Amino acid sequence: MKPKREEQTPYSGIERQLLNTFFSGVYISAKDFLTIGRNMNMEGLALKNRELLVKEIIARANKNSQTAELVSQLIKIISLRISEYQNLLSNYPNNGAILSQMIQKSNTTKKLIQNMLRTNPYG
């Protein structure tokens, strides 16, 4: 039996980036995604796995023309994580290699998310 192909959306790449700590440099928990949804007045979000939450939040943001707000919420969380990494880096300089890499990946993820706003295929 062939594996089922996942449906691709215009934001599939960003969804994968946000869900994979190795590529994004940050871990955004299900609770963080719920907080984003609540901050954007999204009713009825249930505590599900992270993948379902991020897909639902992005879909609702597009449907309700809240992409700019979603980008802002994600940037805020990523910026907070970068600040935490920089604090760790100053307190634990021997871990500089891994922390610097995480900071770089996190900044790249921020830029990718900012591009999401500029290239919103839904308007």
PDB file of N, CA and C in Angstrom:
ATOM      1  N   MET A   1       0.832  -1.164   0.000  1.00  0.00           N
ATOM      2  CA  MET A   1       0.000   0.000   0.000  1.00  0.00           C
ATOM      3  C   MET A   1       0.891   1.245   0.000  1.00  0.00           C
ATOM      4  N   LYS A   2       0.567   2.181  -0.864  1.00  0.00           N
ATOM      5  CA  LYS A   2       1.347   3.413  -0.952  1.00  0.00           C
ATOM      6  C   LYS A   2       1.013   4.328   0.218  1.00  0.00           C
ATOM      7  N   PRO A   3       2.036   5.063   0.713  1.00  0.00           N
ATOM      8  CA  PRO A   3       1.744   6.021   1.778  1.00  0.00           C
ATOM      9  C   PRO A   3       0.862   7.143   1.240  1.00  0.00           C
ATOM     10  N   LYS A   4      -0.042   7.592   2.075  1.00  0.00           N
ATOM     11  CA  LYS A   4      -0.951   8.666   1.686  1.00  0.00           C
ATOM     12  C   LYS A   4      -0.175   9.982   1.589  1.00  0.00           C
ATOM     13  N   ARG A   5      -0.335  10.659   0.462  1.00  0.00           N
ATOM     14  CA  ARG A   5       0.330  11.956   0.294  1.00  0.00           C
ATOM     15  C   ARG A   5      -0.431  13.016   1.062  1.00  0.00           C
ATOM     16  N   GLU A   6       0.315  13.812   1.799  1.00  0.00           N
ATOM     17  CA  GLU A   6      -0.295  14.880   2.566  1.00  0.00           C
ATOM     18  C   GLU A   6      -0.700  16.007   1.625  1.00  0.00           C
ATOM     19  N   GLU A   7      -1.856  16.579   1.876  1.00  0.00           N
ATOM     20  CA  GLU A   7      -2.338  17.682   1.057  1.00  0.00           C
ATOM     21  C   GLU A   7      -1.422  18.886   1.257  1.00  0.00           C
ATOM     22  N   GLN A   8      -0.965  19.456   0.164  1.00  0.00           N
ATOM     23  CA  GLN A   8      -0.074  20.613   0.223  1.00  0.00           C
ATOM     24  C   GLN A   8      -0.894  21.900   0.189  1.00  0.00           C
ATOM     25  N   THR A   9      -0.540  22.826   1.036  1.00  0.00           N
ATOM     26  CA  THR A   9      -1.160  24.143   1.045  1.00  0.00           C
ATOM     27  C   THR A   9      -0.081  25.162   0.699  1.00  0.00           C
ATOM     28  N   PRO A  10      -0.469  26.389   0.393  1.00  0.00           N
ATOM     29  CA  PRO A  10       0.559  27.401   0.122  1.00  0.00           C
ATOM     30  C   PRO A  10       1.509  27.632   1.293  1.00  0.00           C
ATOM     31  N   TYR A  11       1.101  27.224   2.504  1.00  0.00           N
ATOM     32  CA  TYR A  11       1.920  27.445   3.686  1.00  0.00           C
ATOM     33  C   TYR A  11       2.507  26.163   4.249  1.00  0.00           C
ATOM     34  N   SER A  12       2.513  25.094   3.489  1.00  0.00           N
ATOM     35  CA  SER A  12       3.047  23.818   3.976  1.00  0.00           C
ATOM     36  C   SER A  12       4.504  23.938   4.413  1.00  0.00           C
ATOM     37  N   GLY A  13       5.293  24.699   3.677  1.00  0.00           N
ATOM     38  CA  GLY A  13       6.706  24.872   4.032  1.00  0.00           C
ATOM     39  C   GLY A  13       6.877  25.567   5.374  1.00  0.00           C
ATOM     40  N   ILE A  14       6.083  26.580   5.624  1.00  0.00           N
ATOM     41  CA  ILE A  14       6.158  27.297   6.897  1.00  0.00           C
ATOM     42  C   ILE A  14       5.656  26.407   8.026  1.00  0.00           C
ATOM     43  N   GLU A  15       4.607  25.643   7.756  1.00  0.00           N
ATOM     44  CA  GLU A  15       4.101  24.718   8.778  1.00  0.00           C
ATOM     45  C   GLU A  15       5.196  23.733   9.176  1.00  0.00           C
ATOM     46  N   ARG A  16       5.860  23.155   8.190  1.00  0.00           N
ATOM     47  CA  ARG A  16       6.938  22.202   8.480  1.00  0.00           C
ATOM     48  C   ARG A  16       8.068  22.879   9.247  1.00  0.00           C
ATOM     49  N   GLN A  17       8.411  24.098   8.866  1.00  0.00           N
ATOM     50  CA  GLN A  17       9.476  24.839   9.539  1.00  0.00           C
ATOM     51  C   GLN A  17       9.134  25.069  11.010  1.00  0.00           C
ATOM     52  N   LEU A  18       7.900  25.482  11.268  1.00  0.00           N
ATOM     53  CA  LEU A  18       7.487  25.769  12.643  1.00  0.00           C
ATOM     54  C   LEU A  18       7.423  24.515  13.506  1.00  0.00           C
ATOM     55  N   LEU A  19       7.182  23.379  12.885  1.00  0.00           N
ATOM     56  CA  LEU A  19       7.022  22.133  13.637  1.00  0.00           C
ATOM     57  C   LEU A  19       8.335  21.393  13.852  1.00  0.00           C
ATOM     58  N   ASN A  20       9.385  21.783  13.164  1.00  0.00           N
ATOM     59  CA  ASN A  20      10.652  21.070  13.237  1.00  0.00           C
ATOM     60  C   ASN A  20      11.706  21.951  13.903  1.00  0.00           C
ATOM     61  N   THR A  21      12.017  21.645  15.132  1.00  0.00           N
ATOM     62  CA  THR A  21      12.985  22.446  15.892  1.00  0.00           C
ATOM     63  C   THR A  21      14.365  22.457  15.244  1.00  0.00           C
ATOM     64  N   PHE A  22      14.742  21.356  14.611  1.00  0.00           N
ATOM     65  CA  PHE A  22      16.055  21.297  13.971  1.00  0.00           C
ATOM     66  C   PHE A  22      16.193  22.382  12.902  1.00  0.00           C
ATOM     67  N   PHE A  23      15.133  22.621  12.135  1.00  0.00           N
ATOM     68  CA  PHE A  23      15.193  23.626  11.074  1.00  0.00           C
ATOM     69  C   PHE A  23      14.865  25.027  11.568  1.00  0.00           C
ATOM     70  N   SER A  24      13.915  25.142  12.494  1.00  0.00           N
ATOM     71  CA  SER A  24      13.462  26.468  12.906  1.00  0.00           C
ATOM     72  C   SER A  24      14.319  27.092  14.001  1.00  0.00           C
ATOM     73  N   GLY A  25      14.966  26.247  14.810  1.00  0.00           N
ATOM     74  CA  GLY A  25      15.760  26.766  15.913  1.00  0.00           C
ATOM     75  C   GLY A  25      14.944  27.037  17.168  1.00  0.00           C
ATOM     76  N   VAL A  26      13.623  26.882  17.080  1.00  0.00           N
ATOM     77  CA  VAL A  26      12.752  27.122  18.234  1.00  0.00           C
ATOM     78  C   VAL A  26      11.727  26.005  18.344  1.00  0.00           C
ATOM     79  N   TYR A  27      11.297  25.770  19.567  1.00  0.00           N
ATOM     80  CA  TYR A  27      10.198  24.843  19.794  1.00  0.00           C
ATOM     81  C   TYR A  27       8.993  25.674  20.208  1.00  0.00           C
ATOM     82  N   ILE A  28       7.948  25.608  19.407  1.00  0.00           N
ATOM     83  CA  ILE A  28       6.702  26.289  19.736  1.00  0.00           C
ATOM     84  C   ILE A  28       5.723  25.196  20.142  1.00  0.00           C
ATOM     85  N   SER A  29       5.334  25.221  21.405  1.00  0.00           N
ATOM     86  CA  SER A  29       4.508  24.155  21.963  1.00  0.00           C
ATOM     87  C   SER A  29       3.043  24.304  21.537  1.00  0.00           C
ATOM     88  N   ALA A  30       2.279  23.249  21.772  1.00  0.00           N
ATOM     89  CA  ALA A  30       0.836  23.300  21.515  1.00  0.00           C
ATOM     90  C   ALA A  30       0.209  24.416  22.353  1.00  0.00           C
ATOM     91  N   LYS A  31       0.684  24.568  23.584  1.00  0.00           N
ATOM     92  CA  LYS A  31       0.176  25.640  24.445  1.00  0.00           C
ATOM     93  C   LYS A  31       0.479  27.011  23.837  1.00  0.00           C
ATOM     94  N   ASP A  32       1.669  27.179  23.268  1.00  0.00           N
ATOM     95  CA  ASP A  32       2.010  28.443  22.600  1.00  0.00           C
ATOM     96  C   ASP A  32       1.067  28.705  21.430  1.00  0.00           C
ATOM     97  N   PHE A  33       0.783  27.662  20.638  1.00  0.00           N
ATOM     98  CA  PHE A  33      -0.129  27.827  19.507  1.00  0.00           C
ATOM     99  C   PHE A  33      -1.539  28.168  19.992  1.00  0.00           C
ATOM    100  N   LEU A  34      -1.984  27.547  21.085  1.00  0.00           N
ATOM    101  CA  LEU A  34      -3.295  27.892  21.651  1.00  0.00           C
ATOM    102  C   LEU A  34      -3.327  29.347  22.101  1.00  0.00           C
ATOM    103  N   THR A  35      -2.237  29.795  22.720  1.00  0.00           N
ATOM    104  CA  THR A  35      -2.155  31.191  23.159  1.00  0.00           C
ATOM    105  C   THR A  35      -2.237  32.139  21.967  1.00  0.00           C
ATOM    106  N   ILE A  36      -1.547  31.804  20.893  1.00  0.00           N
ATOM    107  CA  ILE A  36      -1.619  32.618  19.675  1.00  0.00           C
ATOM    108  C   ILE A  36      -3.059  32.695  19.193  1.00  0.00           C
ATOM    109  N   GLY A  37      -3.718  31.536  19.125  1.00  0.00           N
ATOM    110  CA  GLY A  37      -5.114  31.507  18.675  1.00  0.00           C
ATOM    111  C   GLY A  37      -6.019  32.335  19.565  1.00  0.00           C
ATOM    112  N   ARG A  38      -5.845  32.217  20.865  1.00  0.00           N
ATOM    113  CA  ARG A  38      -6.677  33.001  21.795  1.00  0.00           C
ATOM    114  C   ARG A  38      -6.396  34.492  21.651  1.00  0.00           C
ATOM    115  N   ASN A  39      -5.125  34.856  21.478  1.00  0.00           N
ATOM    116  CA  ASN A  39      -4.782  36.271  21.275  1.00  0.00           C
ATOM    117  C   ASN A  39      -5.402  36.831  20.001  1.00  0.00           C
ATOM    118  N   MET A  40      -5.702  35.935  19.071  1.00  0.00           N
ATOM    119  CA  MET A  40      -6.312  36.352  17.800  1.00  0.00           C
ATOM    120  C   MET A  40      -7.827  36.124  17.814  1.00  0.00           C
ATOM    121  N   ASN A  41      -8.390  35.885  19.004  1.00  0.00           N
ATOM    122  CA  ASN A  41      -9.831  35.672  19.191  1.00  0.00           C
ATOM    123  C   ASN A  41     -10.375  34.497  18.386  1.00  0.00           C
ATOM    124  N   MET A  42      -9.598  33.442  18.300  1.00  0.00           N
ATOM    125  CA  MET A  42     -10.047  32.226  17.618  1.00  0.00           C
ATOM    126  C   MET A  42     -10.729  31.343  18.653  1.00  0.00           C
ATOM    127  N   GLU A  43     -12.009  31.172  18.497  1.00  0.00           N
ATOM    128  CA  GLU A  43     -12.796  30.376  19.435  1.00  0.00           C
ATOM    129  C   GLU A  43     -12.725  28.902  19.062  1.00  0.00           C
ATOM    130  N   GLY A  44     -12.849  28.050  20.057  1.00  0.00           N
ATOM    131  CA  GLY A  44     -12.999  26.624  19.823  1.00  0.00           C
ATOM    132  C   GLY A  44     -11.744  25.868  19.459  1.00  0.00           C
ATOM    133  N   LEU A  45     -10.580  26.457  19.679  1.00  0.00           N
ATOM    134  CA  LEU A  45      -9.348  25.707  19.433  1.00  0.00           C
ATOM    135  C   LEU A  45      -9.167  24.696  20.560  1.00  0.00           C
ATOM    136  N   ALA A  46      -8.994  23.457  20.187  1.00  0.00           N
ATOM    137  CA  ALA A  46      -8.814  22.410  21.189  1.00  0.00           C
ATOM    138  C   ALA A  46      -7.343  22.050  21.284  1.00  0.00           C
ATOM    139  N   LEU A  47      -6.954  21.560  22.441  1.00  0.00           N
ATOM    140  CA  LEU A  47      -5.580  21.121  22.627  1.00  0.00           C
ATOM    141  C   LEU A  47      -5.398  19.834  21.829  1.00  0.00           C
ATOM    142  N   LYS A  48      -4.777  19.986  20.682  1.00  0.00           N
ATOM    143  CA  LYS A  48      -4.529  18.869  19.778  1.00  0.00           C
ATOM    144  C   LYS A  48      -3.019  18.758  19.624  1.00  0.00           C
ATOM    145  N   ASN A  49      -2.612  17.919  18.704  1.00  0.00           N
ATOM    146  CA  ASN A  49      -1.178  17.886  18.449  1.00  0.00           C
ATOM    147  C   ASN A  49      -0.772  19.178  17.733  1.00  0.00           C
ATOM    148  N   ARG A  50       0.474  19.493  17.800  1.00  0.00           N
ATOM    149  CA  ARG A  50       0.993  20.756  17.258  1.00  0.00           C
ATOM    150  C   ARG A  50       0.707  20.901  15.772  1.00  0.00           C
ATOM    151  N   GLU A  51       0.836  19.815  15.031  1.00  0.00           N
ATOM    152  CA  GLU A  51       0.626  19.885  13.588  1.00  0.00           C
ATOM    153  C   GLU A  51      -0.799  20.319  13.255  1.00  0.00           C
ATOM    154  N   LEU A  52      -1.777  19.726  13.905  1.00  0.00           N
ATOM    155  CA  LEU A  52      -3.168  20.105  13.647  1.00  0.00           C
ATOM    156  C   LEU A  52      -3.441  21.547  14.066  1.00  0.00           C
ATOM    157  N   LEU A  53      -2.873  21.957  15.190  1.00  0.00           N
ATOM    158  CA  LEU A  53      -3.075  23.333  15.654  1.00  0.00           C
ATOM    159  C   LEU A  53      -2.488  24.356  14.692  1.00  0.00           C
ATOM    160  N   VAL A  54      -1.258  24.142  14.256  1.00  0.00           N
ATOM    161  CA  VAL A  54      -0.640  25.134  13.378  1.00  0.00           C
ATOM    162  C   VAL A  54      -1.398  25.214  12.051  1.00  0.00           C
ATOM    163  N   LYS A  55      -1.835  24.080  11.529  1.00  0.00           N
ATOM    164  CA  LYS A  55      -2.607  24.090  10.280  1.00  0.00           C
ATOM    165  C   LYS A  55      -3.926  24.843  10.458  1.00  0.00           C
ATOM    166  N   GLU A  56      -4.610  24.565  11.570  1.00  0.00           N
ATOM    167  CA  GLU A  56      -5.897  25.220  11.813  1.00  0.00           C
ATOM    168  C   GLU A  56      -5.734  26.721  12.028  1.00  0.00           C
ATOM    169  N   ILE A  57      -4.727  27.111  12.775  1.00  0.00           N
ATOM    170  CA  ILE A  57      -4.519  28.543  13.043  1.00  0.00           C
ATOM    171  C   ILE A  57      -4.168  29.284  11.758  1.00  0.00           C
ATOM    172  N   ILE A  58      -3.304  28.713  10.940  1.00  0.00           N
ATOM    173  CA  ILE A  58      -2.950  29.371   9.674  1.00  0.00           C
ATOM    174  C   ILE A  58      -4.179  29.459   8.765  1.00  0.00           C
ATOM    175  N   ALA A  59      -4.958  28.385   8.686  1.00  0.00           N
ATOM    176  CA  ALA A  59      -6.157  28.400   7.838  1.00  0.00           C
ATOM    177  C   ALA A  59      -7.160  29.452   8.315  1.00  0.00           C
ATOM    178  N   ARG A  60      -7.385  29.510   9.615  1.00  0.00           N
ATOM    179  CA  ARG A  60      -8.326  30.507  10.151  1.00  0.00           C
ATOM    180  C   ARG A  60      -7.810  31.927   9.955  1.00  0.00           C
ATOM    181  N   ALA A  61      -6.510  32.125  10.147  1.00  0.00           N
ATOM    182  CA  ALA A  61      -5.934  33.459   9.953  1.00  0.00           C
ATOM    183  C   ALA A  61      -6.136  33.914   8.512  1.00  0.00           C
ATOM    184  N   ASN A  62      -5.930  33.002   7.563  1.00  0.00           N
ATOM    185  CA  ASN A  62      -6.147  33.356   6.156  1.00  0.00           C
ATOM    186  C   ASN A  62      -7.614  33.647   5.881  1.00  0.00           C
ATOM    187  N   LYS A  63      -8.483  32.814   6.396  1.00  0.00           N
ATOM    188  CA  LYS A  63      -9.921  32.972   6.166  1.00  0.00           C
ATOM    189  C   LYS A  63     -10.429  34.295   6.722  1.00  0.00           C
ATOM    190  N   ASN A  64      -9.898  34.697   7.878  1.00  0.00           N
ATOM    191  CA  ASN A  64     -10.370  35.914   8.559  1.00  0.00           C
ATOM    192  C   ASN A  64      -9.485  37.132   8.308  1.00  0.00           C
ATOM    193  N   SER A  65      -8.613  37.051   7.316  1.00  0.00           N
ATOM    194  CA  SER A  65      -7.703  38.163   6.981  1.00  0.00           C
ATOM    195  C   SER A  65      -6.883  38.605   8.191  1.00  0.00           C
ATOM    196  N   GLN A  66      -6.351  37.623   8.913  1.00  0.00           N
ATOM    197  CA  GLN A  66      -5.544  37.911  10.105  1.00  0.00           C
ATOM    198  C   GLN A  66      -4.092  37.472   9.927  1.00  0.00           C
ATOM    199  N   THR A  67      -3.649  37.368   8.692  1.00  0.00           N
ATOM    200  CA  THR A  67      -2.294  36.895   8.444  1.00  0.00           C
ATOM    201  C   THR A  67      -1.258  37.806   9.097  1.00  0.00           C
ATOM    202  N   ALA A  68      -1.456  39.111   9.000  1.00  0.00           N
ATOM    203  CA  ALA A  68      -0.493  40.048   9.594  1.00  0.00           C
ATOM    204  C   ALA A  68      -0.428  39.860  11.107  1.00  0.00           C
ATOM    205  N   GLU A  69      -1.565  39.635  11.735  1.00  0.00           N
ATOM    206  CA  GLU A  69      -1.589  39.422  13.180  1.00  0.00           C
ATOM    207  C   GLU A  69      -0.910  38.100  13.544  1.00  0.00           C
ATOM    208  N   LEU A  70      -1.141  37.063  12.736  1.00  0.00           N
ATOM    209  CA  LEU A  70      -0.488  35.776  12.970  1.00  0.00           C
ATOM    210  C   LEU A  70       1.022  35.922  12.875  1.00  0.00           C
ATOM    211  N   VAL A  71       1.478  36.597  11.848  1.00  0.00           N
ATOM    212  CA  VAL A  71       2.915  36.831  11.681  1.00  0.00           C
ATOM    213  C   VAL A  71       3.468  37.552  12.902  1.00  0.00           C
ATOM    214  N   SER A  72       2.756  38.566  13.354  1.00  0.00           N
ATOM    215  CA  SER A  72       3.186  39.329  14.524  1.00  0.00           C
ATOM    216  C   SER A  72       3.284  38.449  15.767  1.00  0.00           C
ATOM    217  N   GLN A  73       2.296  37.586  15.978  1.00  0.00           N
ATOM    218  CA  GLN A  73       2.291  36.693  17.139  1.00  0.00           C
ATOM    219  C   GLN A  73       3.452  35.705  17.075  1.00  0.00           C
ATOM    220  N   LEU A  74       3.689  35.143  15.897  1.00  0.00           N
ATOM    221  CA  LEU A  74       4.792  34.189  15.741  1.00  0.00           C
ATOM    222  C   LEU A  74       6.142  34.866  15.935  1.00  0.00           C
ATOM    223  N   ILE A  75       6.294  36.056  15.370  1.00  0.00           N
ATOM    224  CA  ILE A  75       7.545  36.812  15.509  1.00  0.00           C
ATOM    225  C   ILE A  75       7.803  37.122  16.982  1.00  0.00           C
ATOM    226  N   LYS A  76       6.744  37.452  17.718  1.00  0.00           N
ATOM    227  CA  LYS A  76       6.897  37.770  19.136  1.00  0.00           C
ATOM    228  C   LYS A  76       7.441  36.556  19.901  1.00  0.00           C
ATOM    229  N   ILE A  77       6.884  35.386  19.645  1.00  0.00           N
ATOM    230  CA  ILE A  77       7.352  34.175  20.338  1.00  0.00           C
ATOM    231  C   ILE A  77       8.793  33.851  19.948  1.00  0.00           C
ATOM    232  N   ILE A  78       9.088  33.931  18.660  1.00  0.00           N
ATOM    233  CA  ILE A  78      10.447  33.606  18.201  1.00  0.00           C
ATOM    234  C   ILE A  78      11.448  34.617  18.757  1.00  0.00           C
ATOM    235  N   SER A  79      11.078  35.876  18.779  1.00  0.00           N
ATOM    236  CA  SER A  79      11.972  36.907  19.332  1.00  0.00           C
ATOM    237  C   SER A  79      12.230  36.671  20.818  1.00  0.00           C
ATOM    238  N   LEU A  80      11.212  36.229  21.531  1.00  0.00           N
ATOM    239  CA  LEU A  80      11.384  35.902  22.947  1.00  0.00           C
ATOM    240  C   LEU A  80      12.376  34.750  23.113  1.00  0.00           C
ATOM    241  N   ARG A  81      12.249  33.735  22.267  1.00  0.00           N
ATOM    242  CA  ARG A  81      13.173  32.596  22.338  1.00  0.00           C
ATOM    243  C   ARG A  81      14.603  33.040  22.003  1.00  0.00           C
ATOM    244  N   ILE A  82      14.750  33.895  21.008  1.00  0.00           N
ATOM    245  CA  ILE A  82      16.082  34.399  20.647  1.00  0.00           C
ATOM    246  C   ILE A  82      16.685  35.155  21.823  1.00  0.00           C
ATOM    247  N   SER A  83      15.883  35.960  22.474  1.00  0.00           N
ATOM    248  CA  SER A  83      16.351  36.698  23.648  1.00  0.00           C
ATOM    249  C   SER A  83      16.808  35.733  24.745  1.00  0.00           C
ATOM    250  N   GLU A  84      16.045  34.655  24.949  1.00  0.00           N
ATOM    251  CA  GLU A  84      16.430  33.649  25.940  1.00  0.00           C
ATOM    252  C   GLU A  84      17.745  32.975  25.543  1.00  0.00           C
ATOM    253  N   TYR A  85      17.899  32.666  24.255  1.00  0.00           N
ATOM    254  CA  TYR A  85      19.152  32.054  23.784  1.00  0.00           C
ATOM    255  C   TYR A  85      20.332  32.996  23.995  1.00  0.00           C
ATOM    256  N   GLN A  86      20.128  34.292  23.719  1.00  0.00           N
ATOM    257  CA  GLN A  86      21.207  35.262  23.900  1.00  0.00           C
ATOM    258  C   GLN A  86      21.584  35.387  25.373  1.00  0.00           C
ATOM    259  N   ASN A  87      20.590  35.326  26.244  1.00  0.00           N
ATOM    260  CA  ASN A  87      20.852  35.353  27.676  1.00  0.00           C
ATOM    261  C   ASN A  87      21.648  34.114  28.092  1.00  0.00           C
ATOM    262  N   LEU A  88      21.251  32.964  27.609  1.00  0.00           N
ATOM    263  CA  LEU A  88      21.998  31.736  27.898  1.00  0.00           C
ATOM    264  C   LEU A  88      23.425  31.824  27.367  1.00  0.00           C
ATOM    265  N   LEU A  89      23.563  32.394  26.178  1.00  0.00           N
ATOM    266  CA  LEU A  89      24.882  32.527  25.565  1.00  0.00           C
ATOM    267  C   LEU A  89      25.801  33.398  26.413  1.00  0.00           C
ATOM    268  N   SER A  90      25.247  34.480  26.956  1.00  0.00           N
ATOM    269  CA  SER A  90      26.094  35.343  27.798  1.00  0.00           C
ATOM    270  C   SER A  90      26.425  34.673  29.135  1.00  0.00           C
ATOM    271  N   ASN A  91      25.514  33.841  29.635  1.00  0.00           N
ATOM    272  CA  ASN A  91      25.765  33.150  30.910  1.00  0.00           C
ATOM    273  C   ASN A  91      26.589  31.870  30.764  1.00  0.00           C
ATOM    274  N   TYR A  92      26.510  31.255  29.602  1.00  0.00           N
ATOM    275  CA  TYR A  92      27.213  29.989  29.365  1.00  0.00           C
ATOM    276  C   TYR A  92      27.966  30.040  28.033  1.00  0.00           C
ATOM    277  N   PRO A  93      29.037  30.815  27.976  1.00  0.00           N
ATOM    278  CA  PRO A  93      29.755  31.010  26.704  1.00  0.00           C
ATOM    279  C   PRO A  93      30.336  29.715  26.128  1.00  0.00           C
ATOM    280  N   ASN A  94      30.568  28.703  26.947  1.00  0.00           N
ATOM    281  CA  ASN A  94      31.097  27.445  26.424  1.00  0.00           C
ATOM    282  C   ASN A  94      30.100  26.725  25.522  1.00  0.00           C
ATOM    283  N   ASN A  95      28.831  27.101  25.599  1.00  0.00           N
ATOM    284  CA  ASN A  95      27.796  26.514  24.749  1.00  0.00           C
ATOM    285  C   ASN A  95      27.505  27.396  23.532  1.00  0.00           C
ATOM    286  N   GLY A  96      28.443  28.264  23.220  1.00  0.00           N
ATOM    287  CA  GLY A  96      28.254  29.239  22.156  1.00  0.00           C
ATOM    288  C   GLY A  96      27.970  28.644  20.794  1.00  0.00           C
ATOM    289  N   ALA A  97      28.609  27.532  20.473  1.00  0.00           N
ATOM    290  CA  ALA A  97      28.422  26.963  19.131  1.00  0.00           C
ATOM    291  C   ALA A  97      26.970  26.573  18.895  1.00  0.00           C
ATOM    292  N   ILE A  98      26.390  25.839  19.814  1.00  0.00           N
ATOM    293  CA  ILE A  98      25.006  25.378  19.624  1.00  0.00           C
ATOM    294  C   ILE A  98      24.024  26.529  19.762  1.00  0.00           C
ATOM    295  N   LEU A  99      24.252  27.417  20.732  1.00  0.00           N
ATOM    296  CA  LEU A  99      23.326  28.537  20.919  1.00  0.00           C
ATOM    297  C   LEU A  99      23.373  29.502  19.748  1.00  0.00           C
ATOM    298  N   SER A 100      24.555  29.758  19.217  1.00  0.00           N
ATOM    299  CA  SER A 100      24.672  30.645  18.050  1.00  0.00           C
ATOM    300  C   SER A 100      23.938  30.049  16.855  1.00  0.00           C
ATOM    301  N   GLN A 101      24.048  28.757  16.700  1.00  0.00           N
ATOM    302  CA  GLN A 101      23.343  28.076  15.606  1.00  0.00           C
ATOM    303  C   GLN A 101      21.828  28.188  15.786  1.00  0.00           C
ATOM    304  N   MET A 102      21.354  28.037  17.002  1.00  0.00           N
ATOM    305  CA  MET A 102      19.918  28.154  17.263  1.00  0.00           C
ATOM    306  C   MET A 102      19.429  29.583  17.021  1.00  0.00           C
ATOM    307  N   ILE A 103      20.238  30.552  17.397  1.00  0.00           N
ATOM    308  CA  ILE A 103      19.891  31.955  17.159  1.00  0.00           C
ATOM    309  C   ILE A 103      19.814  32.214  15.657  1.00  0.00           C
ATOM    310  N   GLN A 104      20.782  31.713  14.908  1.00  0.00           N
ATOM    311  CA  GLN A 104      20.790  31.910  13.463  1.00  0.00           C
ATOM    312  C   GLN A 104      19.555  31.263  12.816  1.00  0.00           C
ATOM    313  N   LYS A 105      19.253  30.033  13.204  1.00  0.00           N
ATOM    314  CA  LYS A 105      18.082  29.343  12.643  1.00  0.00           C
ATOM    315  C   LYS A 105      16.794  30.072  13.010  1.00  0.00           C
ATOM    316  N   SER A 106      16.722  30.570  14.238  1.00  0.00           N
ATOM    317  CA  SER A 106      15.533  31.302  14.677  1.00  0.00           C
ATOM    318  C   SER A 106      15.353  32.588  13.881  1.00  0.00           C
ATOM    319  N   ASN A 107      16.439  33.296  13.638  1.00  0.00           N
ATOM    320  CA  ASN A 107      16.357  34.517  12.816  1.00  0.00           C
ATOM    321  C   ASN A 107      15.934  34.203  11.390  1.00  0.00           C
ATOM    322  N   THR A 108      16.418  33.086  10.848  1.00  0.00           N
ATOM    323  CA  THR A 108      16.016  32.666   9.501  1.00  0.00           C
ATOM    324  C   THR A 108      14.521  32.348   9.474  1.00  0.00           C
ATOM    325  N   THR A 109      14.039  31.699  10.511  1.00  0.00           N
ATOM    326  CA  THR A 109      12.612  31.389  10.598  1.00  0.00           C
ATOM    327  C   THR A 109      11.791  32.667  10.672  1.00  0.00           C
ATOM    328  N   LYS A 110      12.257  33.646  11.432  1.00  0.00           N
ATOM    329  CA  LYS A 110      11.556  34.941  11.489  1.00  0.00           C
ATOM    330  C   LYS A 110      11.440  35.557  10.098  1.00  0.00           C
ATOM    331  N   LYS A 111      12.526  35.528   9.341  1.00  0.00           N
ATOM    332  CA  LYS A 111      12.502  36.094   7.985  1.00  0.00           C
ATOM    333  C   LYS A 111      11.543  35.327   7.083  1.00  0.00           C
ATOM    334  N   LEU A 112      11.523  34.015   7.219  1.00  0.00           N
ATOM    335  CA  LEU A 112      10.603  33.194   6.434  1.00  0.00           C
ATOM    336  C   LEU A 112       9.155  33.558   6.751  1.00  0.00           C
ATOM    337  N   ILE A 113       8.863  33.752   8.021  1.00  0.00           N
ATOM    338  CA  ILE A 113       7.505  34.110   8.433  1.00  0.00           C
ATOM    339  C   ILE A 113       7.148  35.512   7.942  1.00  0.00           C
ATOM    340  N   GLN A 114       8.096  36.434   7.989  1.00  0.00           N
ATOM    341  CA  GLN A 114       7.843  37.778   7.482  1.00  0.00           C
ATOM    342  C   GLN A 114       7.548  37.734   5.986  1.00  0.00           C
ATOM    343  N   ASN A 115       8.233  36.860   5.257  1.00  0.00           N
ATOM    344  CA  ASN A 115       7.961  36.695   3.831  1.00  0.00           C
ATOM    345  C   ASN A 115       6.570  36.132   3.599  1.00  0.00           C
ATOM    346  N   MET A 116       6.064  35.340   4.539  1.00  0.00           N
ATOM    347  CA  MET A 116       4.718  34.797   4.441  1.00  0.00           C
ATOM    348  C   MET A 116       3.713  35.930   4.310  1.00  0.00           C
ATOM    349  N   LEU A 117       3.924  37.012   5.044  1.00  0.00           N
ATOM    350  CA  LEU A 117       3.014  38.154   4.990  1.00  0.00           C
ATOM    351  C   LEU A 117       3.103  38.844   3.639  1.00  0.00           C
ATOM    352  N   ARG A 118       4.320  38.985   3.130  1.00  0.00           N
ATOM    353  CA  ARG A 118       4.499  39.683   1.862  1.00  0.00           C
ATOM    354  C   ARG A 118       3.956  38.901   0.667  1.00  0.00           C
ATOM    355  N   THR A 119       3.985  37.561   0.766  1.00  0.00           N
ATOM    356  CA  THR A 119       3.580  36.735  -0.366  1.00  0.00           C
ATOM    357  C   THR A 119       2.308  35.960  -0.077  1.00  0.00           C
ATOM    358  N   ASN A 120       1.410  36.521   0.720  1.00  0.00           N
ATOM    359  CA  ASN A 120       0.160  35.854   1.071  1.00  0.00           C
ATOM    360  C   ASN A 120      -0.631  35.527  -0.199  1.00  0.00           C
ATOM    361  N   PRO A 121      -0.744  34.249  -0.559  1.00  0.00           N
ATOM    362  CA  PRO A 121      -1.457  33.886  -1.776  1.00  0.00           C
ATOM    363  C   PRO A 121      -2.961  34.080  -1.673  1.00  0.00           C
ATOM    364  N   TYR A 122      -3.469  34.353  -0.486  1.00  0.00           N
ATOM    365  CA  TYR A 122      -4.913  34.529  -0.310  1.00  0.00           C
ATOM    366  C   TYR A 122      -5.324  35.994  -0.291  1.00  0.00           C
ATOM    367  N   GLY A 123      -4.370  36.874  -0.509  1.00  0.00           N
ATOM    368  CA  GLY A 123      -4.766  38.280  -0.571  1.00  0.00           C
ATOM    369  C   GLY A 123      -4.090  39.084   0.446  1.00  0.00           C
TER     370      GLY A 123
END
